[in-house]
Amino acid sequence: MRTSNEDVVSGLEQGEFHLEYMPIVSLTSGDCVAAEALIRWKKDGRAVSPAVFIPEIEGTPAIGLLTYWLVEQVAVELGAWLRAHRDFHISINVPPELFGRGGLQYAAHHAGVKDLYPQFVLEMTERGSPDHISLEGLRSARRLGLGIAIDDVEADGLSLVLLARTKLDYIKLDKSVVDQIASEGLIEQTKEEIRRVAASGHPIVVAEGIEHELQAKKLMELGVQWGQGWFFSKSLPVAAFLAFLQR
């Protein structure tokens, strides 16, 4: 059964959605420096995978509702932590069609987190295709101090060097890239691109889906600065995430 706008609205009204936080760790220091906020849905006692319901509601009003709810929920759960730790960042996934429509700014204003703009990172997938309004929204987000990341960058996708020349703050390498690094399946040209971008220091390169120590070691050898994945921690509900930060 496909997910509809009505399903999402009903789920929000019934409190079926919650957030989990995926720690993002400095590969050199081991410190947790950021986190990605992830939407989780439990309907009728059963978890609904984001890989299933997110694609089904992309391009519909439901994706906007969920994104705005996410901003408000982060404010409730982590607003105090973020204000006490101004060097810590929270990433949220934002569909390209929401950029430039004003809704995110309204949600941030409503949630009382305008002062936290420099600590929020808006993640947009490489596979997205923002229109001219969305691109203007990206420019506006940068003027407000929000960080911009491009997500799910694959080895056979856009050139990392070309991406690095755009006004991005973070490039997030897809798990498929991490898997190929450990298995020596990544071509030398791509490795060299990762080295060049990471060595420049900006944008920061973040590797997703790190599951083994060998992967982390190989990424460090390429100069990748940050990483996330089960090797460090699974995504955690807010109480467990705050406990993780204290450890």
C-alpha atoms as a PDB file:
ATOM      1  CA  MET A   1       0.000   0.000   0.000  1.00  0.00           C
ATOM      2  CA  ARG A   2       1.387   3.361  -1.015  1.00  0.00           C
ATOM      3  CA  THR A   3       1.811   6.151   1.521  1.00  0.00           C
ATOM      4  CA  SER A   4      -0.532   9.099   0.995  1.00  0.00           C
ATOM      5  CA  ASN A   5      -0.665  12.642   2.320  1.00  0.00           C
ATOM      6  CA  GLU A   6      -3.528  11.550   4.542  1.00  0.00           C
ATOM      7  CA  ASP A   7      -1.404   8.755   6.034  1.00  0.00           C
ATOM      8  CA  VAL A   8       1.334  11.228   6.970  1.00  0.00           C
ATOM      9  CA  VAL A   9      -1.103  13.781   8.405  1.00  0.00           C
ATOM     10  CA  SER A  10      -2.800  11.047  10.427  1.00  0.00           C
ATOM     11  CA  GLY A  11       0.573   9.748  11.590  1.00  0.00           C
ATOM     12  CA  LEU A  12       1.637  13.200  12.775  1.00  0.00           C
ATOM     13  CA  GLU A  13      -1.660  13.692  14.593  1.00  0.00           C
ATOM     14  CA  GLN A  14      -1.354  10.273  16.252  1.00  0.00           C
ATOM     15  CA  GLY A  15       2.266  10.812  17.298  1.00  0.00           C
ATOM     16  CA  GLU A  16       3.531   7.930  15.165  1.00  0.00           C
ATOM     17  CA  PHE A  17       6.704   9.732  14.066  1.00  0.00           C
ATOM     18  CA  HIS A  18       9.848  10.254  16.111  1.00  0.00           C
ATOM     19  CA  LEU A  19      13.444  11.275  15.498  1.00  0.00           C
ATOM     20  CA  GLU A  20      16.683   9.404  15.844  1.00  0.00           C
ATOM     21  CA  TYR A  21      20.132  10.951  15.648  1.00  0.00           C
ATOM     22  CA  MET A  22      23.058   9.420  13.763  1.00  0.00           C
ATOM     23  CA  PRO A  23      26.352  10.565  15.323  1.00  0.00           C
ATOM     24  CA  ILE A  24      28.932  12.073  12.959  1.00  0.00           C
ATOM     25  CA  VAL A  25      32.461  11.594  14.243  1.00  0.00           C
ATOM     26  CA  SER A  26      35.826  13.214  13.546  1.00  0.00           C
ATOM     27  CA  LEU A  27      37.956  10.414  12.119  1.00  0.00           C
ATOM     28  CA  THR A  28      41.113  11.898  13.617  1.00  0.00           C
ATOM     29  CA  SER A  29      39.977  12.781  17.140  1.00  0.00           C
ATOM     30  CA  GLY A  30      37.082  10.352  17.589  1.00  0.00           C
ATOM     31  CA  ASP A  31      34.902  13.165  18.921  1.00  0.00           C
ATOM     32  CA  CYS A  32      31.238  13.387  17.974  1.00  0.00           C
ATOM     33  CA  VAL A  33      31.113  16.708  16.125  1.00  0.00           C
ATOM     34  CA  ALA A  34      27.659  16.596  14.531  1.00  0.00           C
ATOM     35  CA  ALA A  35      24.600  14.435  13.971  1.00  0.00           C
ATOM     36  CA  GLU A  36      22.078  13.702  11.261  1.00  0.00           C
ATOM     37  CA  ALA A  37      18.430  13.894  12.313  1.00  0.00           C
ATOM     38  CA  LEU A  38      16.476  10.965  10.860  1.00  0.00           C
ATOM     39  CA  ILE A  39      12.700  10.541  10.739  1.00  0.00           C
ATOM     40  CA  ARG A  40      11.329   7.239  12.015  1.00  0.00           C
ATOM     41  CA  TRP A  41       7.721   6.039  11.651  1.00  0.00           C
ATOM     42  CA  LYS A  42       5.998   3.331  13.654  1.00  0.00           C
ATOM     43  CA  LYS A  43       2.506   2.635  12.296  1.00  0.00           C
ATOM     44  CA  ASP A  44       0.215   0.154  14.038  1.00  0.00           C
ATOM     45  CA  GLY A  45       3.187  -1.008  16.098  1.00  0.00           C
ATOM     46  CA  ARG A  46       5.352  -1.759  13.049  1.00  0.00           C
ATOM     47  CA  ALA A  47       8.288   0.279  11.754  1.00  0.00           C
ATOM     48  CA  VAL A  48       7.833   1.741   8.277  1.00  0.00           C
ATOM     49  CA  SER A  49      11.169   2.063   6.486  1.00  0.00           C
ATOM     50  CA  PRO A  50      12.117   5.591   5.301  1.00  0.00           C
ATOM     51  CA  ALA A  51      13.470   3.906   2.169  1.00  0.00           C
ATOM     52  CA  VAL A  52       9.849   2.991   1.436  1.00  0.00           C
ATOM     53  CA  PHE A  53       7.754   5.946   2.532  1.00  0.00           C
ATOM     54  CA  ILE A  54      10.059   8.875   1.703  1.00  0.00           C
ATOM     55  CA  PRO A  55      10.232   8.160  -2.067  1.00  0.00           C
ATOM     56  CA  GLU A  56       6.463   7.694  -2.117  1.00  0.00           C
ATOM     57  CA  ILE A  57       5.743  11.176  -0.746  1.00  0.00           C
ATOM     58  CA  GLU A  58       8.477  13.136  -2.537  1.00  0.00           C
ATOM     59  CA  GLY A  59       6.938  15.913  -4.592  1.00  0.00           C
ATOM     60  CA  THR A  60       3.786  15.967  -2.432  1.00  0.00           C
ATOM     61  CA  PRO A  61       2.695  18.283   0.421  1.00  0.00           C
ATOM     62  CA  ALA A  62       3.456  15.471   2.862  1.00  0.00           C
ATOM     63  CA  ILE A  63       7.227  15.848   2.438  1.00  0.00           C
ATOM     64  CA  GLY A  64       6.935  19.506   3.445  1.00  0.00           C
ATOM     65  CA  LEU A  65       4.843  18.665   6.510  1.00  0.00           C
ATOM     66  CA  LEU A  66       7.376  16.082   7.679  1.00  0.00           C
ATOM     67  CA  THR A  67      10.338  18.394   7.102  1.00  0.00           C
ATOM     68  CA  TYR A  68       8.734  21.238   9.037  1.00  0.00           C
ATOM     69  CA  TRP A  69       7.814  18.822  11.848  1.00  0.00           C
ATOM     70  CA  LEU A  70      11.436  17.649  11.912  1.00  0.00           C
ATOM     71  CA  VAL A  71      12.722  21.209  12.410  1.00  0.00           C
ATOM     72  CA  GLU A  72      10.310  21.788  15.290  1.00  0.00           C
ATOM     73  CA  GLN A  73      11.169  18.449  16.885  1.00  0.00           C
ATOM     74  CA  VAL A  74      14.909  19.105  16.740  1.00  0.00           C
ATOM     75  CA  ALA A  75      14.273  22.455  18.422  1.00  0.00           C
ATOM     76  CA  VAL A  76      12.345  20.782  21.242  1.00  0.00           C
ATOM     77  CA  GLU A  77      14.773  17.912  21.766  1.00  0.00           C
ATOM     78  CA  LEU A  78      18.174  19.503  21.154  1.00  0.00           C
ATOM     79  CA  GLY A  79      17.698  23.277  21.254  1.00  0.00           C
ATOM     80  CA  ALA A  80      19.246  23.614  24.712  1.00  0.00           C
ATOM     81  CA  TRP A  81      22.173  21.319  23.815  1.00  0.00           C
ATOM     82  CA  LEU A  82      22.918  23.229  20.633  1.00  0.00           C
ATOM     83  CA  ARG A  83      22.917  26.575  22.445  1.00  0.00           C
ATOM     84  CA  ALA A  84      25.317  25.178  25.026  1.00  0.00           C
ATOM     85  CA  HIS A  85      27.593  23.681  22.335  1.00  0.00           C
ATOM     86  CA  ARG A  86      27.911  26.220  19.545  1.00  0.00           C
ATOM     87  CA  ASP A  87      30.451  24.169  17.582  1.00  0.00           C
ATOM     88  CA  PHE A  88      28.029  21.242  17.213  1.00  0.00           C
ATOM     89  CA  HIS A  89      25.981  20.811  14.018  1.00  0.00           C
ATOM     90  CA  ILE A  90      22.718  19.078  13.112  1.00  0.00           C
ATOM     91  CA  SER A  91      22.052  17.902   9.560  1.00  0.00           C
ATOM     92  CA  ILE A  92      18.552  17.590   8.164  1.00  0.00           C
ATOM     93  CA  ASN A  93      17.545  16.178   4.794  1.00  0.00           C
ATOM     94  CA  VAL A  94      15.641  18.702   2.715  1.00  0.00           C
ATOM     95  CA  PRO A  95      14.063  17.901  -0.679  1.00  0.00           C
ATOM     96  CA  PRO A  96      15.191  20.312  -3.429  1.00  0.00           C
ATOM     97  CA  GLU A  97      11.622  21.465  -4.048  1.00  0.00           C
ATOM     98  CA  LEU A  98      11.415  22.944  -0.543  1.00  0.00           C
ATOM     99  CA  PHE A  99      14.331  25.325  -1.052  1.00  0.00           C
ATOM    100  CA  GLY A 100      13.231  28.849  -1.775  1.00  0.00           C
ATOM    101  CA  ARG A 101       9.575  28.341  -0.849  1.00  0.00           C
ATOM    102  CA  GLY A 102       9.917  30.053   2.519  1.00  0.00           C
ATOM    103  CA  GLY A 103       8.478  27.187   4.514  1.00  0.00           C
ATOM    104  CA  LEU A 104      11.748  26.196   6.161  1.00  0.00           C
ATOM    105  CA  GLN A 105      12.361  29.738   7.357  1.00  0.00           C
ATOM    106  CA  TYR A 106       8.813  29.922   8.686  1.00  0.00           C
ATOM    107  CA  ALA A 107       9.259  26.590  10.482  1.00  0.00           C
ATOM    108  CA  ALA A 108      12.566  27.737  11.989  1.00  0.00           C
ATOM    109  CA  HIS A 109      11.011  31.025  13.098  1.00  0.00           C
ATOM    110  CA  HIS A 110       7.999  29.211  14.563  1.00  0.00           C
ATOM    111  CA  ALA A 111      10.286  26.759  16.384  1.00  0.00           C
ATOM    112  CA  GLY A 112      12.416  29.580  17.789  1.00  0.00           C
ATOM    113  CA  VAL A 113      15.704  28.391  16.299  1.00  0.00           C
ATOM    114  CA  LYS A 114      16.695  31.318  14.102  1.00  0.00           C
ATOM    115  CA  ASP A 115      19.674  31.897  16.389  1.00  0.00           C
ATOM    116  CA  LEU A 116      20.813  28.335  15.620  1.00  0.00           C
ATOM    117  CA  TYR A 117      21.015  28.770  11.842  1.00  0.00           C
ATOM    118  CA  PRO A 118      24.846  28.452  11.798  1.00  0.00           C
ATOM    119  CA  GLN A 119      24.500  25.043  13.485  1.00  0.00           C
ATOM    120  CA  PHE A 120      22.008  23.620  11.003  1.00  0.00           C
ATOM    121  CA  VAL A 121      23.162  21.865   7.834  1.00  0.00           C
ATOM    122  CA  LEU A 122      20.689  21.346   5.003  1.00  0.00           C
ATOM    123  CA  GLU A 123      21.400  18.121   3.124  1.00  0.00           C
ATOM    124  CA  MET A 124      20.313  17.831  -0.490  1.00  0.00           C
ATOM    125  CA  THR A 125      20.790  14.683  -2.522  1.00  0.00           C
ATOM    126  CA  GLU A 126      23.095  14.729  -5.535  1.00  0.00           C
ATOM    127  CA  ARG A 127      20.279  13.055  -7.456  1.00  0.00           C
ATOM    128  CA  GLY A 128      17.986  16.009  -6.835  1.00  0.00           C
ATOM    129  CA  SER A 129      17.377  18.600  -9.520  1.00  0.00           C
ATOM    130  CA  PRO A 130      16.612  21.956  -7.893  1.00  0.00           C
ATOM    131  CA  ASP A 131      14.755  24.494 -10.016  1.00  0.00           C
ATOM    132  CA  HIS A 132      15.644  28.181 -10.197  1.00  0.00           C
ATOM    133  CA  ILE A 133      13.535  28.977  -7.102  1.00  0.00           C
ATOM    134  CA  SER A 134      15.313  26.219  -5.199  1.00  0.00           C
ATOM    135  CA  LEU A 135      18.718  27.537  -6.257  1.00  0.00           C
ATOM    136  CA  GLU A 136      17.802  30.993  -5.024  1.00  0.00           C
ATOM    137  CA  GLY A 137      16.703  29.348  -1.796  1.00  0.00           C
ATOM    138  CA  LEU A 138      20.156  27.809  -1.459  1.00  0.00           C
ATOM    139  CA  ARG A 139      21.730  31.231  -1.866  1.00  0.00           C
ATOM    140  CA  SER A 140      19.352  32.643   0.721  1.00  0.00           C
ATOM    141  CA  ALA A 141      20.173  29.806   3.136  1.00  0.00           C
ATOM    142  CA  ARG A 142      23.868  30.597   2.841  1.00  0.00           C
ATOM    143  CA  ARG A 143      23.229  34.288   3.515  1.00  0.00           C
ATOM    144  CA  LEU A 144      21.364  33.270   6.687  1.00  0.00           C
ATOM    145  CA  GLY A 145      24.369  31.232   7.827  1.00  0.00           C
ATOM    146  CA  LEU A 146      22.948  27.752   7.234  1.00  0.00           C
ATOM    147  CA  GLY A 147      25.371  25.069   6.114  1.00  0.00           C
ATOM    148  CA  ILE A 148      24.795  23.252   2.820  1.00  0.00           C
ATOM    149  CA  ALA A 149      25.676  19.617   2.141  1.00  0.00           C
ATOM    150  CA  ILE A 150      25.241  17.401  -0.891  1.00  0.00           C
ATOM    151  CA  ASP A 151      24.305  13.868   0.095  1.00  0.00           C
ATOM    152  CA  ASP A 152      24.662  10.393  -1.442  1.00  0.00           C
ATOM    153  CA  VAL A 153      27.627  11.251  -3.674  1.00  0.00           C
ATOM    154  CA  GLU A 154      28.644   8.083  -5.515  1.00  0.00           C
ATOM    155  CA  ALA A 155      31.921   7.112  -7.179  1.00  0.00           C
ATOM    156  CA  ASP A 156      30.379   7.254 -10.650  1.00  0.00           C
ATOM    157  CA  GLY A 157      28.484  10.474  -9.990  1.00  0.00           C
ATOM    158  CA  LEU A 158      29.520  14.072 -10.384  1.00  0.00           C
ATOM    159  CA  SER A 159      33.214  14.911 -10.136  1.00  0.00           C
ATOM    160  CA  LEU A 160      34.158  15.592  -6.532  1.00  0.00           C
ATOM    161  CA  VAL A 161      36.521  18.326  -7.654  1.00  0.00           C
ATOM    162  CA  LEU A 162      33.745  20.059  -9.575  1.00  0.00           C
ATOM    163  CA  LEU A 163      31.410  19.714  -6.587  1.00  0.00           C
ATOM    164  CA  ALA A 164      34.049  21.207  -4.336  1.00  0.00           C
ATOM    165  CA  ARG A 165      34.138  24.324  -6.515  1.00  0.00           C
ATOM    166  CA  THR A 166      30.487  25.010  -5.787  1.00  0.00           C
ATOM    167  CA  LYS A 167      29.536  26.805  -2.597  1.00  0.00           C
ATOM    168  CA  LEU A 168      29.082  23.701  -0.484  1.00  0.00           C
ATOM    169  CA  ASP A 169      30.125  23.184   3.116  1.00  0.00           C
ATOM    170  CA  TYR A 170      30.011  19.380   3.119  1.00  0.00           C
ATOM    171  CA  ILE A 171      30.212  16.532   0.601  1.00  0.00           C
ATOM    172  CA  LYS A 172      28.797  13.256   1.917  1.00  0.00           C
ATOM    173  CA  LEU A 173      30.183  10.119   0.296  1.00  0.00           C
ATOM    174  CA  ASP A 174      27.619   7.375  -0.237  1.00  0.00           C
ATOM    175  CA  LYS A 175      28.029   4.038   1.553  1.00  0.00           C
ATOM    176  CA  SER A 176      28.816   2.417  -1.800  1.00  0.00           C
ATOM    177  CA  VAL A 177      32.002   4.498  -1.979  1.00  0.00           C
ATOM    178  CA  VAL A 178      33.000   3.427   1.530  1.00  0.00           C
ATOM    179  CA  ASP A 179      32.432  -0.238   0.655  1.00  0.00           C
ATOM    180  CA  GLN A 180      34.611   0.071  -2.461  1.00  0.00           C
ATOM    181  CA  ILE A 181      37.410   1.763  -0.520  1.00  0.00           C
ATOM    182  CA  ALA A 182      37.711  -1.184   1.858  1.00  0.00           C
ATOM    183  CA  SER A 183      37.577  -3.754  -0.943  1.00  0.00           C
ATOM    184  CA  GLU A 184      40.088  -1.839  -3.097  1.00  0.00           C
ATOM    185  CA  GLY A 185      37.385  -1.579  -5.755  1.00  0.00           C
ATOM    186  CA  LEU A 186      37.597   2.199  -6.043  1.00  0.00           C
ATOM    187  CA  ILE A 187      39.524   3.457  -9.057  1.00  0.00           C
ATOM    188  CA  GLU A 188      42.640   5.519  -8.383  1.00  0.00           C
ATOM    189  CA  GLN A 189      41.175   8.605 -10.079  1.00  0.00           C
ATOM    190  CA  THR A 190      38.317   8.733  -7.574  1.00  0.00           C
ATOM    191  CA  LYS A 191      40.712   8.196  -4.675  1.00  0.00           C
ATOM    192  CA  GLU A 192      42.825  11.088  -5.915  1.00  0.00           C
ATOM    193  CA  GLU A 193      39.745  13.319  -6.173  1.00  0.00           C
ATOM    194  CA  ILE A 194      38.833  12.484  -2.577  1.00  0.00           C
ATOM    195  CA  ARG A 195      42.400  13.262  -1.478  1.00  0.00           C
ATOM    196  CA  ARG A 196      42.405  16.616  -3.299  1.00  0.00           C
ATOM    197  CA  VAL A 197      39.052  17.749  -1.936  1.00  0.00           C
ATOM    198  CA  ALA A 198      39.789  16.588   1.616  1.00  0.00           C
ATOM    199  CA  ALA A 199      43.229  18.228   1.566  1.00  0.00           C
ATOM    200  CA  SER A 200      41.685  21.565   0.610  1.00  0.00           C
ATOM    201  CA  GLY A 201      39.769  21.573   3.902  1.00  0.00           C
ATOM    202  CA  HIS A 202      36.599  22.957   2.336  1.00  0.00           C
ATOM    203  CA  PRO A 203      34.112  21.509   1.804  1.00  0.00           C
ATOM    204  CA  ILE A 204      34.459  18.950   4.590  1.00  0.00           C
ATOM    205  CA  VAL A 205      34.222  15.372   3.298  1.00  0.00           C
ATOM    206  CA  VAL A 206      31.929  13.094   5.322  1.00  0.00           C
ATOM    207  CA  ALA A 207      31.792   9.332   4.728  1.00  0.00           C
ATOM    208  CA  GLU A 208      28.509   7.523   5.329  1.00  0.00           C
ATOM    209  CA  GLY A 209      27.934   3.890   6.219  1.00  0.00           C
ATOM    210  CA  ILE A 210      31.229   3.090   7.950  1.00  0.00           C
ATOM    211  CA  GLU A 211      30.833  -0.368   9.461  1.00  0.00           C
ATOM    212  CA  HIS A 212      34.396  -1.621  10.024  1.00  0.00           C
ATOM    213  CA  GLU A 213      37.676  -0.320  11.399  1.00  0.00           C
ATOM    214  CA  LEU A 214      39.415  -1.029   8.074  1.00  0.00           C
ATOM    215  CA  GLN A 215      37.012   1.301   6.277  1.00  0.00           C
ATOM    216  CA  ALA A 216      37.701   4.070   8.790  1.00  0.00           C
ATOM    217  CA  LYS A 217      41.453   3.533   8.405  1.00  0.00           C
ATOM    218  CA  LYS A 218      41.329   3.678   4.593  1.00  0.00           C
ATOM    219  CA  LEU A 219      39.223   6.843   4.717  1.00  0.00           C
ATOM    220  CA  MET A 220      41.677   8.489   7.105  1.00  0.00           C
ATOM    221  CA  GLU A 221      44.502   7.628   4.708  1.00  0.00           C
ATOM    222  CA  LEU A 222      42.621   9.565   2.011  1.00  0.00           C
ATOM    223  CA  GLY A 223      42.238  12.518   4.380  1.00  0.00           C
ATOM    224  CA  VAL A 224      38.467  12.227   4.872  1.00  0.00           C
ATOM    225  CA  GLN A 225      37.641  14.338   7.900  1.00  0.00           C
ATOM    226  CA  TRP A 226      34.342  13.004   9.278  1.00  0.00           C
ATOM    227  CA  GLY A 227      32.393   9.752   9.234  1.00  0.00           C
ATOM    228  CA  GLN A 228      29.173   8.131  10.341  1.00  0.00           C
ATOM    229  CA  GLY A 229      27.947   4.557  10.505  1.00  0.00           C
ATOM    230  CA  TRP A 230      27.465   1.563  12.743  1.00  0.00           C
ATOM    231  CA  PHE A 231      31.199   1.338  13.484  1.00  0.00           C
ATOM    232  CA  PHE A 232      30.663   4.379  15.704  1.00  0.00           C
ATOM    233  CA  SER A 233      26.985   4.064  16.587  1.00  0.00           C
ATOM    234  CA  LYS A 234      23.580   3.281  15.168  1.00  0.00           C
ATOM    235  CA  SER A 235      21.034   6.101  15.071  1.00  0.00           C
ATOM    236  CA  LEU A 236      19.746   6.807  18.568  1.00  0.00           C
ATOM    237  CA  PRO A 237      16.612   8.262  20.181  1.00  0.00           C
ATOM    238  CA  VAL A 238      17.300  11.604  21.807  1.00  0.00           C
ATOM    239  CA  ALA A 239      17.894  10.333  25.374  1.00  0.00           C
ATOM    240  CA  ALA A 240      20.349   7.671  24.218  1.00  0.00           C
ATOM    241  CA  PHE A 241      22.002  10.164  21.860  1.00  0.00           C
ATOM    242  CA  LEU A 242      22.601  12.674  24.661  1.00  0.00           C
ATOM    243  CA  ALA A 243      24.037   9.852  26.777  1.00  0.00           C
ATOM    244  CA  PHE A 244      26.314   8.928  23.845  1.00  0.00           C
ATOM    245  CA  LEU A 245      27.535  12.536  23.720  1.00  0.00           C
ATOM    246  CA  GLN A 246      28.312  12.499  27.422  1.00  0.00           C
ATOM    247  CA  ARG A 247      30.391   9.315  26.982  1.00  0.00           C
END
